[in-house]
Amino acid sequence: LFGGTVFALFLAAWEYRLFDIGWAWWAWPVCFVLD
């Protein structure tokens, strides 16, 4: 019921990102640790 709304807000915020990290292999472990 509510997950879609949260995801949409994150997508909107992502448009104002500071860096284009993309989908590089190293981004996954870094993302996991920071998350």
PDB file of all heavy atoms in Angstrom:
ATOM      1  N   LEU A   1       0.812  -1.218   0.000  1.00  0.00           N
ATOM      2  CA  LEU A   1       0.000   0.000   0.000  1.00  0.00           C
ATOM      3  C   LEU A   1       0.846   1.269   0.000  1.00  0.00           C
ATOM      4  O   LEU A   1       0.513   2.252  -0.676  1.00  0.00           O
ATOM      5  CB  LEU A   1      -0.925   0.000   1.226  1.00  0.00           C
ATOM      6  CG  LEU A   1      -2.050  -1.039   1.231  1.00  0.00           C
ATOM      7  CD1 LEU A   1      -2.801  -0.986   2.554  1.00  0.00           C
ATOM      8  CD2 LEU A   1      -3.009  -0.806   0.066  1.00  0.00           C
ATOM      9  N   PHE A   2       1.936   1.266   0.744  1.00  0.00           N
ATOM     10  CA  PHE A   2       2.702   2.498   0.948  1.00  0.00           C
ATOM     11  C   PHE A   2       4.095   2.483   0.315  1.00  0.00           C
ATOM     12  O   PHE A   2       4.713   3.526   0.166  1.00  0.00           O
ATOM     13  CB  PHE A   2       2.849   2.777   2.449  1.00  0.00           C
ATOM     14  CG  PHE A   2       1.535   2.889   3.168  1.00  0.00           C
ATOM     15  CD1 PHE A   2       1.151   1.906   4.087  1.00  0.00           C
ATOM     16  CD2 PHE A   2       0.683   3.952   2.935  1.00  0.00           C
ATOM     17  CE1 PHE A   2      -0.062   2.001   4.752  1.00  0.00           C
ATOM     18  CE2 PHE A   2      -0.530   4.056   3.597  1.00  0.00           C
ATOM     19  CZ  PHE A   2      -0.911   3.068   4.505  1.00  0.00           C
ATOM     20  N   GLY A   3       4.582   1.295  -0.050  1.00  0.00           N
ATOM     21  CA  GLY A   3       5.933   1.201  -0.584  1.00  0.00           C
ATOM     22  C   GLY A   3       6.117   1.976  -1.875  1.00  0.00           C
ATOM     23  O   GLY A   3       7.167   2.590  -2.111  1.00  0.00           O
ATOM     24  N   GLY A   4       5.097   1.967  -2.709  1.00  0.00           N
ATOM     25  CA  GLY A   4       5.187   2.686  -3.976  1.00  0.00           C
ATOM     26  C   GLY A   4       5.361   4.180  -3.788  1.00  0.00           C
ATOM     27  O   GLY A   4       6.119   4.828  -4.532  1.00  0.00           O
ATOM     28  N   THR A   5       4.685   4.723  -2.793  1.00  0.00           N
ATOM     29  CA  THR A   5       4.801   6.162  -2.514  1.00  0.00           C
ATOM     30  C   THR A   5       6.214   6.518  -2.071  1.00  0.00           C
ATOM     31  O   THR A   5       6.805   7.505  -2.534  1.00  0.00           O
ATOM     32  CB  THR A   5       3.791   6.575  -1.435  1.00  0.00           C
ATOM     33  OG1 THR A   5       2.473   6.284  -1.885  1.00  0.00           O
ATOM     34  CG2 THR A   5       3.903   8.064  -1.134  1.00  0.00           C
ATOM     35  N   VAL A   6       6.762   5.711  -1.183  1.00  0.00           N
ATOM     36  CA  VAL A   6       8.129   5.949  -0.702  1.00  0.00           C
ATOM     37  C   VAL A   6       9.118   5.853  -1.859  1.00  0.00           C
ATOM     38  O   VAL A   6      10.011   6.697  -2.008  1.00  0.00           O
ATOM     39  CB  VAL A   6       8.494   4.943   0.407  1.00  0.00           C
ATOM     40  CG1 VAL A   6       9.967   5.082   0.799  1.00  0.00           C
ATOM     41  CG2 VAL A   6       7.596   5.136   1.624  1.00  0.00           C
ATOM     42  N   PHE A   7       8.939   4.843  -2.695  1.00  0.00           N
ATOM     43  CA  PHE A   7       9.844   4.654  -3.825  1.00  0.00           C
ATOM     44  C   PHE A   7       9.761   5.832  -4.792  1.00  0.00           C
ATOM     45  O   PHE A   7      10.779   6.299  -5.323  1.00  0.00           O
ATOM     46  CB  PHE A   7       9.497   3.354  -4.550  1.00  0.00           C
ATOM     47  CG  PHE A   7      10.488   2.961  -5.604  1.00  0.00           C
ATOM     48  CD1 PHE A   7      11.745   2.503  -5.248  1.00  0.00           C
ATOM     49  CD2 PHE A   7      10.168   3.050  -6.947  1.00  0.00           C
ATOM     50  CE1 PHE A   7      12.672   2.134  -6.210  1.00  0.00           C
ATOM     51  CE2 PHE A   7      11.079   2.680  -7.921  1.00  0.00           C
ATOM     52  CZ  PHE A   7      12.336   2.220  -7.552  1.00  0.00           C
ATOM     53  N   ALA A   8       8.551   6.347  -5.002  1.00  0.00           N
ATOM     54  CA  ALA A   8       8.367   7.500  -5.893  1.00  0.00           C
ATOM     55  C   ALA A   8       9.065   8.735  -5.337  1.00  0.00           C
ATOM     56  O   ALA A   8       9.663   9.520  -6.091  1.00  0.00           O
ATOM     57  CB  ALA A   8       6.884   7.771  -6.087  1.00  0.00           C
ATOM     58  N   LEU A   9       9.016   8.917  -4.015  1.00  0.00           N
ATOM     59  CA  LEU A   9       9.695  10.047  -3.388  1.00  0.00           C
ATOM     60  C   LEU A   9      11.204   9.932  -3.545  1.00  0.00           C
ATOM     61  O   LEU A   9      11.900  10.916  -3.807  1.00  0.00           O
ATOM     62  CB  LEU A   9       9.323  10.125  -1.906  1.00  0.00           C
ATOM     63  CG  LEU A   9       7.882  10.541  -1.590  1.00  0.00           C
ATOM     64  CD1 LEU A   9       7.603  10.395  -0.098  1.00  0.00           C
ATOM     65  CD2 LEU A   9       7.621  11.971  -2.047  1.00  0.00           C
ATOM     66  N   PHE A  10      11.714   8.720  -3.404  1.00  0.00           N
ATOM     67  CA  PHE A  10      13.145   8.506  -3.588  1.00  0.00           C
ATOM     68  C   PHE A  10      13.569   8.769  -5.034  1.00  0.00           C
ATOM     69  O   PHE A  10      14.625   9.356  -5.284  1.00  0.00           O
ATOM     70  CB  PHE A  10      13.521   7.079  -3.186  1.00  0.00           C
ATOM     71  CG  PHE A  10      13.695   6.889  -1.703  1.00  0.00           C
ATOM     72  CD1 PHE A  10      13.482   7.932  -0.807  1.00  0.00           C
ATOM     73  CD2 PHE A  10      14.072   5.661  -1.179  1.00  0.00           C
ATOM     74  CE1 PHE A  10      13.646   7.760   0.559  1.00  0.00           C
ATOM     75  CE2 PHE A  10      14.238   5.479   0.180  1.00  0.00           C
ATOM     76  CZ  PHE A  10      14.024   6.535   1.046  1.00  0.00           C
ATOM     77  N   LEU A  11      12.745   8.337  -5.975  1.00  0.00           N
ATOM     78  CA  LEU A  11      13.054   8.592  -7.381  1.00  0.00           C
ATOM     79  C   LEU A  11      13.083  10.086  -7.680  1.00  0.00           C
ATOM     80  O   LEU A  11      13.956  10.582  -8.418  1.00  0.00           O
ATOM     81  CB  LEU A  11      12.029   7.900  -8.284  1.00  0.00           C
ATOM     82  CG  LEU A  11      12.245   6.418  -8.575  1.00  0.00           C
ATOM     83  CD1 LEU A  11      11.103   5.886  -9.426  1.00  0.00           C
ATOM     84  CD2 LEU A  11      13.580   6.177  -9.262  1.00  0.00           C
ATOM     85  N   ALA A  12      12.138  10.811  -7.087  1.00  0.00           N
ATOM     86  CA  ALA A  12      12.104  12.263  -7.291  1.00  0.00           C
ATOM     87  C   ALA A  12      13.359  12.914  -6.702  1.00  0.00           C
ATOM     88  O   ALA A  12      13.952  13.823  -7.308  1.00  0.00           O
ATOM     89  CB  ALA A  12      10.848  12.850  -6.661  1.00  0.00           C
ATOM     90  N   ALA A  13      13.771  12.445  -5.517  1.00  0.00           N
ATOM     91  CA  ALA A  13      14.976  13.004  -4.878  1.00  0.00           C
ATOM     92  C   ALA A  13      16.219  12.647  -5.668  1.00  0.00           C
ATOM     93  O   ALA A  13      17.170  13.443  -5.726  1.00  0.00           O
ATOM     94  CB  ALA A  13      15.086  12.481  -3.448  1.00  0.00           C
ATOM     95  N   TRP A  14      16.247  11.486  -6.290  1.00  0.00           N
ATOM     96  CA  TRP A  14      17.421  11.025  -7.027  1.00  0.00           C
ATOM     97  C   TRP A  14      17.754  11.955  -8.202  1.00  0.00           C
ATOM     98  O   TRP A  14      18.905  12.045  -8.626  1.00  0.00           O
ATOM     99  CB  TRP A  14      17.175   9.606  -7.531  1.00  0.00           C
ATOM    100  CG  TRP A  14      18.365   8.946  -8.145  1.00  0.00           C
ATOM    101  CD1 TRP A  14      19.514   8.542  -7.525  1.00  0.00           C
ATOM    102  CD2 TRP A  14      18.531   8.614  -9.527  1.00  0.00           C
ATOM    103  NE1 TRP A  14      20.381   7.969  -8.427  1.00  0.00           N
ATOM    104  CE2 TRP A  14      19.800   7.996  -9.671  1.00  0.00           C
ATOM    105  CE3 TRP A  14      17.724   8.756 -10.660  1.00  0.00           C
ATOM    106  CZ2 TRP A  14      20.270   7.540 -10.888  1.00  0.00           C
ATOM    107  CZ3 TRP A  14      18.190   8.302 -11.871  1.00  0.00           C
ATOM    108  CH2 TRP A  14      19.461   7.711 -11.985  1.00  0.00           C
ATOM    109  N   GLU A  15      16.756  12.649  -8.708  1.00  0.00           N
ATOM    110  CA  GLU A  15      16.989  13.598  -9.802  1.00  0.00           C
ATOM    111  C   GLU A  15      17.904  14.741  -9.366  1.00  0.00           C
ATOM    112  O   GLU A  15      18.474  15.440 -10.197  1.00  0.00           O
ATOM    113  CB  GLU A  15      15.649  14.152 -10.296  1.00  0.00           C
ATOM    114  CG  GLU A  15      14.738  13.116 -10.938  1.00  0.00           C
ATOM    115  CD  GLU A  15      15.342  12.503 -12.183  1.00  0.00           C
ATOM    116  OE1 GLU A  15      16.063  13.226 -12.922  1.00  0.00           O
ATOM    117  OE2 GLU A  15      15.118  11.292 -12.420  1.00  0.00           O
ATOM    118  N   TYR A  16      18.059  14.923  -8.069  1.00  0.00           N
ATOM    119  CA  TYR A  16      18.900  16.003  -7.538  1.00  0.00           C
ATOM    120  C   TYR A  16      20.190  15.441  -6.928  1.00  0.00           C
ATOM    121  O   TYR A  16      20.821  16.088  -6.090  1.00  0.00           O
ATOM    122  CB  TYR A  16      18.122  16.790  -6.487  1.00  0.00           C
ATOM    123  CG  TYR A  16      16.874  17.437  -7.038  1.00  0.00           C
ATOM    124  CD1 TYR A  16      15.639  16.777  -6.975  1.00  0.00           C
ATOM    125  CD2 TYR A  16      16.926  18.686  -7.648  1.00  0.00           C
ATOM    126  CE1 TYR A  16      14.491  17.365  -7.499  1.00  0.00           C
ATOM    127  CE2 TYR A  16      15.783  19.276  -8.173  1.00  0.00           C
ATOM    128  CZ  TYR A  16      14.567  18.606  -8.098  1.00  0.00           C
ATOM    129  OH  TYR A  16      13.429  19.189  -8.622  1.00  0.00           O
ATOM    130  N   ARG A  17      20.612  14.269  -7.356  1.00  0.00           N
ATOM    131  CA  ARG A  17      21.791  13.587  -6.818  1.00  0.00           C
ATOM    132  C   ARG A  17      23.056  14.403  -7.067  1.00  0.00           C
ATOM    133  O   ARG A  17      23.156  15.144  -8.055  1.00  0.00           O
ATOM    134  CB  ARG A  17      21.918  12.196  -7.430  1.00  0.00           C
ATOM    135  CG  ARG A  17      22.092  12.198  -8.943  1.00  0.00           C
ATOM    136  CD  ARG A  17      21.888  10.781  -9.510  1.00  0.00           C
ATOM    137  NE  ARG A  17      22.027  10.741 -10.969  1.00  0.00           N
ATOM    138  CZ  ARG A  17      21.060  11.054 -11.815  1.00  0.00           C
ATOM    139  NH1 ARG A  17      19.889  11.473 -11.365  1.00  0.00           N
ATOM    140  NH2 ARG A  17      21.254  10.953 -13.120  1.00  0.00           N
ATOM    141  N   LEU A  18      24.010  14.227  -6.181  1.00  0.00           N
ATOM    142  CA  LEU A  18      25.284  14.932  -6.293  1.00  0.00           C
ATOM    143  C   LEU A  18      26.244  14.231  -7.247  1.00  0.00           C
ATOM    144  O   LEU A  18      27.061  14.881  -7.895  1.00  0.00           O
ATOM    145  CB  LEU A  18      25.931  15.062  -4.906  1.00  0.00           C
ATOM    146  CG  LEU A  18      25.136  15.859  -3.868  1.00  0.00           C
ATOM    147  CD1 LEU A  18      25.847  15.808  -2.522  1.00  0.00           C
ATOM    148  CD2 LEU A  18      24.954  17.295  -4.314  1.00  0.00           C
ATOM    149  N   PHE A  19      26.161  12.892  -7.308  1.00  0.00           N
ATOM    150  CA  PHE A  19      27.079  12.115  -8.137  1.00  0.00           C
ATOM    151  C   PHE A  19      26.303  11.082  -8.954  1.00  0.00           C
ATOM    152  O   PHE A  19      25.244  10.614  -8.534  1.00  0.00           O
ATOM    153  CB  PHE A  19      28.123  11.388  -7.268  1.00  0.00           C
ATOM    154  CG  PHE A  19      28.891  12.291  -6.351  1.00  0.00           C
ATOM    155  CD1 PHE A  19      28.558  12.386  -5.004  1.00  0.00           C
ATOM    156  CD2 PHE A  19      29.941  13.065  -6.836  1.00  0.00           C
ATOM    157  CE1 PHE A  19      29.260  13.209  -4.148  1.00  0.00           C
ATOM    158  CE2 PHE A  19      30.653  13.897  -5.989  1.00  0.00           C
ATOM    159  CZ  PHE A  19      30.307  13.986  -4.647  1.00  0.00           C
ATOM    160  N   ASP A  20      26.840  10.722 -10.097  1.00  0.00           N
ATOM    161  CA  ASP A  20      26.270   9.650 -10.917  1.00  0.00           C
ATOM    162  C   ASP A  20      27.019   8.358 -10.619  1.00  0.00           C
ATOM    163  O   ASP A  20      27.962   7.988 -11.333  1.00  0.00           O
ATOM    164  CB  ASP A  20      26.377   9.999 -12.405  1.00  0.00           C
ATOM    165  CG  ASP A  20      25.356  11.045 -12.826  1.00  0.00           C
ATOM    166  OD1 ASP A  20      24.165  10.875 -12.475  1.00  0.00           O
ATOM    167  OD2 ASP A  20      25.753  12.024 -13.477  1.00  0.00           O
ATOM    168  N   ILE A  21      26.623   7.692  -9.569  1.00  0.00           N
ATOM    169  CA  ILE A  21      27.308   6.467  -9.159  1.00  0.00           C
ATOM    170  C   ILE A  21      27.023   5.332 -10.132  1.00  0.00           C
ATOM    171  O   ILE A  21      27.893   4.517 -10.436  1.00  0.00           O
ATOM    172  CB  ILE A  21      26.892   6.080  -7.724  1.00  0.00           C
ATOM    173  CG1 ILE A  21      27.427   7.121  -6.738  1.00  0.00           C
ATOM    174  CG2 ILE A  21      27.404   4.696  -7.361  1.00  0.00           C
ATOM    175  CD1 ILE A  21      27.024   6.891  -5.301  1.00  0.00           C
ATOM    176  N   GLY A  22      25.805   5.287 -10.633  1.00  0.00           N
ATOM    177  CA  GLY A  22      25.461   4.266 -11.615  1.00  0.00           C
ATOM    178  C   GLY A  22      25.385   2.879 -11.026  1.00  0.00           C
ATOM    179  O   GLY A  22      25.109   2.694  -9.841  1.00  0.00           O
ATOM    180  N   TRP A  23      25.696   1.860 -11.887  1.00  0.00           N
ATOM    181  CA  TRP A  23      25.513   0.461 -11.497  1.00  0.00           C
ATOM    182  C   TRP A  23      26.841  -0.291 -11.500  1.00  0.00           C
ATOM    183  O   TRP A  23      26.882  -1.500 -11.711  1.00  0.00           O
ATOM    184  CB  TRP A  23      24.515  -0.207 -12.440  1.00  0.00           C
ATOM    185  CG  TRP A  23      23.198   0.497 -12.465  1.00  0.00           C
ATOM    186  CD1 TRP A  23      22.839   1.531 -13.280  1.00  0.00           C
ATOM    187  CD2 TRP A  23      22.095   0.269 -11.598  1.00  0.00           C
ATOM    188  NE1 TRP A  23      21.560   1.950 -12.985  1.00  0.00           N
ATOM    189  CE2 TRP A  23      21.081   1.198 -11.961  1.00  0.00           C
ATOM    190  CE3 TRP A  23      21.844  -0.626 -10.551  1.00  0.00           C
ATOM    191  CZ2 TRP A  23      19.857   1.252 -11.323  1.00  0.00           C
ATOM    192  CZ3 TRP A  23      20.622  -0.575  -9.914  1.00  0.00           C
ATOM    193  CH2 TRP A  23      19.645   0.349 -10.291  1.00  0.00           C
ATOM    194  N   ALA A  24      27.922   0.419 -11.254  1.00  0.00           N
ATOM    195  CA  ALA A  24      29.240  -0.219 -11.231  1.00  0.00           C
ATOM    196  C   ALA A  24      29.277  -1.315 -10.163  1.00  0.00           C
ATOM    197  O   ALA A  24      28.588  -1.240  -9.135  1.00  0.00           O
ATOM    198  CB  ALA A  24      30.315   0.827 -10.948  1.00  0.00           C
ATOM    199  N   TRP A  25      30.113  -2.336 -10.395  1.00  0.00           N
ATOM    200  CA  TRP A  25      30.163  -3.473  -9.467  1.00  0.00           C
ATOM    201  C   TRP A  25      30.521  -3.043  -8.057  1.00  0.00           C
ATOM    202  O   TRP A  25      29.989  -3.573  -7.071  1.00  0.00           O
ATOM    203  CB  TRP A  25      31.170  -4.510  -9.971  1.00  0.00           C
ATOM    204  CG  TRP A  25      32.596  -4.044  -9.903  1.00  0.00           C
ATOM    205  CD1 TRP A  25      33.319  -3.436 -10.883  1.00  0.00           C
ATOM    206  CD2 TRP A  25      33.462  -4.128  -8.759  1.00  0.00           C
ATOM    207  NE1 TRP A  25      34.586  -3.125 -10.445  1.00  0.00           N
ATOM    208  CE2 TRP A  25      34.714  -3.545  -9.142  1.00  0.00           C
ATOM    209  CE3 TRP A  25      33.326  -4.634  -7.466  1.00  0.00           C
ATOM    210  CZ2 TRP A  25      35.785  -3.463  -8.267  1.00  0.00           C
ATOM    211  CZ3 TRP A  25      34.401  -4.539  -6.596  1.00  0.00           C
ATOM    212  CH2 TRP A  25      35.616  -3.970  -6.995  1.00  0.00           C
ATOM    213  N   TRP A  26      31.429  -2.067  -7.953  1.00  0.00           N
ATOM    214  CA  TRP A  26      31.871  -1.641  -6.623  1.00  0.00           C
ATOM    215  C   TRP A  26      30.785  -0.868  -5.873  1.00  0.00           C
ATOM    216  O   TRP A  26      30.840  -0.746  -4.643  1.00  0.00           O
ATOM    217  CB  TRP A  26      33.113  -0.764  -6.728  1.00  0.00           C
ATOM    218  CG  TRP A  26      32.934   0.456  -7.611  1.00  0.00           C
ATOM    219  CD1 TRP A  26      33.264   0.571  -8.927  1.00  0.00           C
ATOM    220  CD2 TRP A  26      32.351   1.708  -7.218  1.00  0.00           C
ATOM    221  NE1 TRP A  26      32.942   1.819  -9.402  1.00  0.00           N
ATOM    222  CE2 TRP A  26      32.378   2.550  -8.361  1.00  0.00           C
ATOM    223  CE3 TRP A  26      31.839   2.212  -6.029  1.00  0.00           C
ATOM    224  CZ2 TRP A  26      31.877   3.848  -8.339  1.00  0.00           C
ATOM    225  CZ3 TRP A  26      31.340   3.509  -6.004  1.00  0.00           C
ATOM    226  CH2 TRP A  26      31.363   4.313  -7.144  1.00  0.00           C
ATOM    227  N   ALA A  27      29.803  -0.340  -6.616  1.00  0.00           N
ATOM    228  CA  ALA A  27      28.746   0.436  -5.967  1.00  0.00           C
ATOM    229  C   ALA A  27      27.859  -0.445  -5.088  1.00  0.00           C
ATOM    230  O   ALA A  27      27.327   0.032  -4.075  1.00  0.00           O
ATOM    231  CB  ALA A  27      27.907   1.147  -7.028  1.00  0.00           C
ATOM    232  N   TRP A  28      27.718  -1.727  -5.450  1.00  0.00           N
ATOM    233  CA  TRP A  28      26.833  -2.619  -4.693  1.00  0.00           C
ATOM    234  C   TRP A  28      27.326  -2.864  -3.267  1.00  0.00           C
ATOM    235  O   TRP A  28      26.542  -2.674  -2.312  1.00  0.00           O
ATOM    236  CB  TRP A  28      26.644  -3.933  -5.451  1.00  0.00           C
ATOM    237  CG  TRP A  28      25.808  -3.772  -6.678  1.00  0.00           C
ATOM    238  CD1 TRP A  28      26.234  -3.544  -7.949  1.00  0.00           C
ATOM    239  CD2 TRP A  28      24.376  -3.779  -6.726  1.00  0.00           C
ATOM    240  NE1 TRP A  28      25.164  -3.424  -8.800  1.00  0.00           N
ATOM    241  CE2 TRP A  28      24.009  -3.563  -8.089  1.00  0.00           C
ATOM    242  CE3 TRP A  28      23.374  -3.951  -5.779  1.00  0.00           C
ATOM    243  CZ2 TRP A  28      22.685  -3.517  -8.500  1.00  0.00           C
ATOM    244  CZ3 TRP A  28      22.050  -3.912  -6.193  1.00  0.00           C
ATOM    245  CH2 TRP A  28      21.706  -3.699  -7.534  1.00  0.00           C
ATOM    246  N   PRO A  29      28.581  -3.292  -3.058  1.00  0.00           N
ATOM    247  CA  PRO A  29      29.033  -3.479  -1.661  1.00  0.00           C
ATOM    248  C   PRO A  29      29.074  -2.169  -0.878  1.00  0.00           C
ATOM    249  O   PRO A  29      28.775  -2.162   0.331  1.00  0.00           O
ATOM    250  CB  PRO A  29      30.430  -4.097  -1.813  1.00  0.00           C
ATOM    251  CG  PRO A  29      30.865  -3.767  -3.199  1.00  0.00           C
ATOM    252  CD  PRO A  29      29.620  -3.728  -4.016  1.00  0.00           C
ATOM    253  N   VAL A  30      29.443  -1.079  -1.551  1.00  0.00           N
ATOM    254  CA  VAL A  30      29.447   0.213  -0.857  1.00  0.00           C
ATOM    255  C   VAL A  30      28.038   0.592  -0.436  1.00  0.00           C
ATOM    256  O   VAL A  30      27.797   1.035   0.698  1.00  0.00           O
ATOM    257  CB  VAL A  30      30.060   1.311  -1.754  1.00  0.00           C
ATOM    258  CG1 VAL A  30      29.896   2.684  -1.100  1.00  0.00           C
ATOM    259  CG2 VAL A  30      31.524   1.029  -2.021  1.00  0.00           C
ATOM    260  N   CYS A  31      27.087   0.396  -1.340  1.00  0.00           N
ATOM    261  CA  CYS A  31      25.692   0.692  -1.035  1.00  0.00           C
ATOM    262  C   CYS A  31      25.193  -0.171   0.124  1.00  0.00           C
ATOM    263  O   CYS A  31      24.506   0.321   1.026  1.00  0.00           O
ATOM    264  CB  CYS A  31      24.830   0.466  -2.277  1.00  0.00           C
ATOM    265  SG  CYS A  31      23.065   0.802  -2.032  1.00  0.00           S
ATOM    266  N   PHE A  32      25.562  -1.453   0.108  1.00  0.00           N
ATOM    267  CA  PHE A  32      25.104  -2.363   1.160  1.00  0.00           C
ATOM    268  C   PHE A  32      25.621  -1.926   2.524  1.00  0.00           C
ATOM    269  O   PHE A  32      24.869  -1.909   3.509  1.00  0.00           O
ATOM    270  CB  PHE A  32      25.574  -3.789   0.854  1.00  0.00           C
ATOM    271  CG  PHE A  32      25.029  -4.809   1.806  1.00  0.00           C
ATOM    272  CD1 PHE A  32      23.761  -5.351   1.623  1.00  0.00           C
ATOM    273  CD2 PHE A  32      25.773  -5.232   2.904  1.00  0.00           C
ATOM    274  CE1 PHE A  32      23.251  -6.288   2.506  1.00  0.00           C
ATOM    275  CE2 PHE A  32      25.272  -6.168   3.791  1.00  0.00           C
ATOM    276  CZ  PHE A  32      24.002  -6.702   3.595  1.00  0.00           C
ATOM    277  N   VAL A  33      26.891  -1.567   2.603  1.00  0.00           N
ATOM    278  CA  VAL A  33      27.483  -1.148   3.876  1.00  0.00           C
ATOM    279  C   VAL A  33      26.858   0.161   4.357  1.00  0.00           C
ATOM    280  O   VAL A  33      26.500   0.304   5.534  1.00  0.00           O
ATOM    281  CB  VAL A  33      29.010  -1.008   3.748  1.00  0.00           C
ATOM    282  CG1 VAL A  33      29.600  -0.375   5.003  1.00  0.00           C
ATOM    283  CG2 VAL A  33      29.649  -2.367   3.498  1.00  0.00           C
ATOM    284  N   LEU A  34      26.729   1.134   3.455  1.00  0.00           N
ATOM    285  CA  LEU A  34      26.153   2.424   3.841  1.00  0.00           C
ATOM    286  C   LEU A  34      24.673   2.284   4.197  1.00  0.00           C
ATOM    287  O   LEU A  34      24.181   2.958   5.110  1.00  0.00           O
ATOM    288  CB  LEU A  34      26.329   3.440   2.717  1.00  0.00           C
ATOM    289  CG  LEU A  34      27.768   3.888   2.446  1.00  0.00           C
ATOM    290  CD1 LEU A  34      27.804   4.893   1.303  1.00  0.00           C
ATOM    291  CD2 LEU A  34      28.400   4.490   3.702  1.00  0.00           C
ATOM    292  N   ASP A  35      23.973   1.404   3.502  1.00  0.00           N
ATOM    293  CA  ASP A  35      22.565   1.172   3.831  1.00  0.00           C
ATOM    294  C   ASP A  35      22.436   0.538   5.212  1.00  0.00           C
ATOM    295  O   ASP A  35      21.513   0.837   5.967  1.00  0.00           O
ATOM    296  CB  ASP A  35      21.922   0.273   2.778  1.00  0.00           C
ATOM    297  CG  ASP A  35      20.450   0.013   3.063  1.00  0.00           C
ATOM    298  OD1 ASP A  35      19.640   0.943   2.878  1.00  0.00           O
ATOM    299  OD2 ASP A  35      20.121  -1.118   3.481  1.00  0.00           O
TER     300      ASP A  35
END
